Amino acid sequence: MRFDVNGRSLELEFDARTSLLDVLREHLKLTGTKKGCNQGACGACTVLVDGERILSCLTLAAQYEGRSITTIEGLASDGALHPLQQTFIEHDGFQCGYCTPGQICSAAGMIGEIERGVPSHVTGDLASPTITLSREELRERMSGNLCRCGAHNGIVDAILEIYGTYKEAAE
């Protein structure tokens, strides 16, 4: 099967019942994506497929043949950290670091959702062409990614810093 992973075109052979998470970790040795609960409840395995966040433990790799997959390793470019990676460091958005790759990939996908006008459960004005990323909105959108160490405030601060920068650059 053919895949585009972190900008590289790859041809892989594996059992059709293999999860995307296992292909990434076991076949490609991209161990940044973590296997947390392996039931889709913690978000540690979050990656981006065509820019949208998915839980890689719940999906068969065969479902994503020919699509663009980005893991935490693929967010950095030209030897520089992705802005989200940098602000997670600056705001202490991680402690043990286990959930961090999924948190960062989820945040990157979340920004795309906001840009496309996808509302969340707490979005106030569904008719508005723009969505304001308040702390409440952000916490709702990131609720599928669990942090057991208590770095939530740093995670929120890091994402809000990047969203503000991103929003100014887009205007």
Protein backbone atom coordinates (compact mmCIF):
# COMPACT_ATOMS: atom_id res chain seq x y z
CA MET A 1 0.00 0.00 0.00
CA ARG A 2 1.15 3.55 -0.74
CA PHE A 3 1.23 6.24 1.93
CA ASP A 4 2.52 9.78 2.24
CA VAL A 5 3.90 10.01 5.78
CA ASN A 6 5.51 13.24 6.92
CA GLY A 7 6.06 14.27 3.32
CA ARG A 8 7.66 11.00 2.24
CA SER A 9 5.98 8.68 -0.24
CA LEU A 10 6.18 5.11 1.04
CA GLU A 11 5.16 1.68 -0.18
CA LEU A 12 4.43 -0.71 2.69
CA GLU A 13 3.30 -4.29 3.15
CA PHE A 14 1.37 -5.26 6.28
CA ASP A 15 -1.66 -7.21 7.39
CA ALA A 16 -4.82 -5.35 6.34
CA ARG A 17 -6.09 -5.57 9.94
CA THR A 18 -3.19 -3.45 11.28
CA SER A 19 -4.07 -0.16 12.92
CA LEU A 20 -2.55 3.03 11.62
CA LEU A 21 -0.91 3.47 15.03
CA ASP A 22 0.86 0.12 14.75
CA VAL A 23 2.02 0.84 11.19
CA LEU A 24 3.49 4.16 12.34
CA ARG A 25 5.17 2.77 15.45
CA GLU A 26 6.10 -0.79 14.49
CA HIS A 27 6.66 -0.63 10.74
CA LEU A 28 7.95 2.94 10.33
CA LYS A 29 9.55 3.32 13.80
CA LEU A 30 7.82 6.70 14.28
CA THR A 31 7.48 6.29 18.03
CA GLY A 32 6.46 9.87 18.80
CA THR A 33 2.84 8.83 18.36
CA LYS A 34 1.96 7.05 21.59
CA LYS A 35 -0.19 4.05 22.37
CA GLY A 36 -2.11 5.13 25.45
CA CYS A 37 -5.40 3.39 26.11
CA ASN A 38 -5.64 1.77 22.64
CA GLN A 39 -9.41 2.40 22.84
CA GLY A 40 -9.70 5.97 21.52
CA ALA A 41 -10.33 7.52 24.93
CA CYS A 42 -7.05 9.34 25.69
CA GLY A 43 -5.91 10.99 22.44
CA ALA A 44 -2.23 10.03 22.85
CA CYS A 45 -2.32 8.49 19.36
CA THR A 46 -3.67 11.58 17.58
CA VAL A 47 -2.17 12.23 14.15
CA LEU A 48 -3.25 14.35 11.19
CA VAL A 49 -4.65 12.88 7.99
CA ASP A 50 -4.96 15.46 5.24
CA GLY A 51 -4.76 18.05 8.03
CA GLU A 52 -7.61 16.60 10.11
CA ARG A 53 -7.00 14.98 13.48
CA ILE A 54 -7.78 11.32 13.94
CA LEU A 55 -7.19 8.68 16.59
CA SER A 56 -4.74 6.32 14.93
CA CYS A 57 -5.42 3.45 17.35
CA LEU A 58 -9.02 3.17 16.15
CA THR A 59 -8.37 3.20 12.41
CA LEU A 60 -7.04 0.60 10.06
CA ALA A 61 -4.02 1.83 8.13
CA ALA A 62 -5.58 0.49 4.91
CA GLN A 63 -8.32 3.13 5.23
CA TYR A 64 -5.75 5.85 4.65
CA GLU A 65 -3.94 4.50 1.62
CA GLY A 66 -2.89 7.36 -0.65
CA ARG A 67 -3.61 10.05 1.95
CA SER A 68 -1.23 12.46 3.63
CA ILE A 69 -0.40 11.45 7.21
CA THR A 70 1.46 13.78 9.57
CA THR A 71 2.83 12.62 12.90
CA ILE A 72 4.55 14.69 15.58
CA GLU A 73 7.85 13.98 13.79
CA GLY A 74 6.48 15.58 10.62
CA LEU A 75 5.36 18.87 12.16
CA ALA A 76 8.87 20.28 12.44
CA SER A 77 10.44 21.58 9.25
CA ASP A 78 13.96 22.49 8.14
CA GLY A 79 15.33 21.50 11.54
CA ALA A 80 13.09 23.97 13.39
CA LEU A 81 10.34 23.03 15.80
CA HIS A 82 6.76 23.68 14.80
CA PRO A 83 5.48 26.79 16.64
CA LEU A 84 3.18 24.60 18.77
CA GLN A 85 6.11 22.42 19.79
CA GLN A 86 8.10 25.50 20.79
CA THR A 87 5.30 27.08 22.82
CA PHE A 88 4.57 23.80 24.62
CA ILE A 89 8.18 23.98 25.83
CA GLU A 90 7.94 27.67 26.75
CA HIS A 91 4.65 27.26 28.66
CA ASP A 92 5.52 23.95 30.36
CA GLY A 93 2.72 22.30 28.40
CA PHE A 94 4.03 18.87 29.27
CA GLN A 95 5.38 17.08 32.29
CA CYS A 96 5.94 13.41 31.55
CA GLY A 97 5.60 14.17 27.83
CA TYR A 98 3.57 11.05 27.03
CA CYS A 99 0.43 12.88 25.90
CA THR A 100 2.33 15.79 24.34
CA PRO A 101 2.61 14.51 20.73
CA GLY A 102 -1.13 13.81 20.61
CA GLN A 103 -1.91 17.15 22.24
CA ILE A 104 0.20 19.03 19.71
CA CYS A 105 -1.20 17.16 16.69
CA SER A 106 -4.72 17.67 18.02
CA ALA A 107 -4.12 21.40 18.49
CA ALA A 108 -2.79 21.70 14.93
CA GLY A 109 -5.90 19.95 13.60
CA MET A 110 -8.16 22.04 15.83
CA ILE A 111 -6.86 25.27 14.29
CA GLY A 112 -7.89 23.91 10.88
CA GLU A 113 -11.38 23.16 12.19
CA ILE A 114 -11.74 26.71 13.50
CA GLU A 115 -10.49 28.11 10.20
CA ARG A 116 -13.16 26.05 8.37
CA GLY A 117 -15.84 27.30 10.79
CA VAL A 118 -16.56 23.91 12.38
CA PRO A 119 -18.43 24.62 15.66
CA SER A 120 -17.98 22.76 18.92
CA HIS A 121 -20.51 21.94 21.62
CA VAL A 122 -19.81 25.28 23.34
CA THR A 123 -19.60 27.56 20.28
CA GLY A 124 -21.87 30.48 21.16
CA ASP A 125 -22.93 31.93 17.79
CA LEU A 126 -23.42 29.26 15.15
CA ALA A 127 -24.31 31.87 12.55
CA SER A 128 -21.06 33.80 12.95
CA PRO A 129 -18.54 33.37 10.12
CA THR A 130 -15.68 33.28 12.66
CA ILE A 131 -15.17 31.33 15.85
CA THR A 132 -13.43 32.95 18.80
CA LEU A 133 -11.09 30.55 20.55
CA SER A 134 -11.85 31.31 24.18
CA ARG A 135 -10.43 29.17 26.99
CA GLU A 136 -13.80 27.41 27.23
CA GLU A 137 -13.88 26.76 23.47
CA LEU A 138 -10.32 25.48 23.51
CA ARG A 139 -10.89 23.20 26.49
CA GLU A 140 -13.97 21.72 24.81
CA ARG A 141 -12.14 21.13 21.53
CA MET A 142 -9.15 19.54 23.29
CA SER A 143 -11.26 17.43 25.68
CA GLY A 144 -10.45 14.24 23.75
CA ASN A 145 -6.80 14.56 24.73
CA LEU A 146 -6.12 13.65 28.34
CA CYS A 147 -3.18 14.78 30.44
CA ARG A 148 -2.76 12.88 33.67
CA CYS A 149 0.15 15.04 34.92
CA GLY A 150 -1.82 18.25 35.29
CA ALA A 151 -0.18 20.36 32.58
CA HIS A 152 -3.57 21.60 31.33
CA ASN A 153 -2.95 25.29 32.02
CA GLY A 154 0.38 25.22 30.17
CA ILE A 155 -1.23 23.37 27.26
CA VAL A 156 -4.05 25.92 27.04
CA ASP A 157 -1.63 28.85 27.28
CA ALA A 158 0.63 27.38 24.58
CA ILE A 159 -2.24 26.81 22.16
CA LEU A 160 -3.75 30.24 22.79
CA GLU A 161 -0.39 31.88 22.12
CA ILE A 162 -0.11 30.15 18.73
CA TYR A 163 -3.73 30.71 17.81
CA GLY A 164 -3.33 34.45 18.45
CA THR A 165 -0.19 34.55 16.31
CA TYR A 166 -1.89 32.45 13.64
CA LYS A 167 -5.00 34.64 13.63
CA GLU A 168 -2.95 37.86 13.24
CA ALA A 169 -0.95 36.32 10.38
CA ALA A 170 -4.14 35.22 8.61
CA GLU A 171 -5.76 38.68 8.76
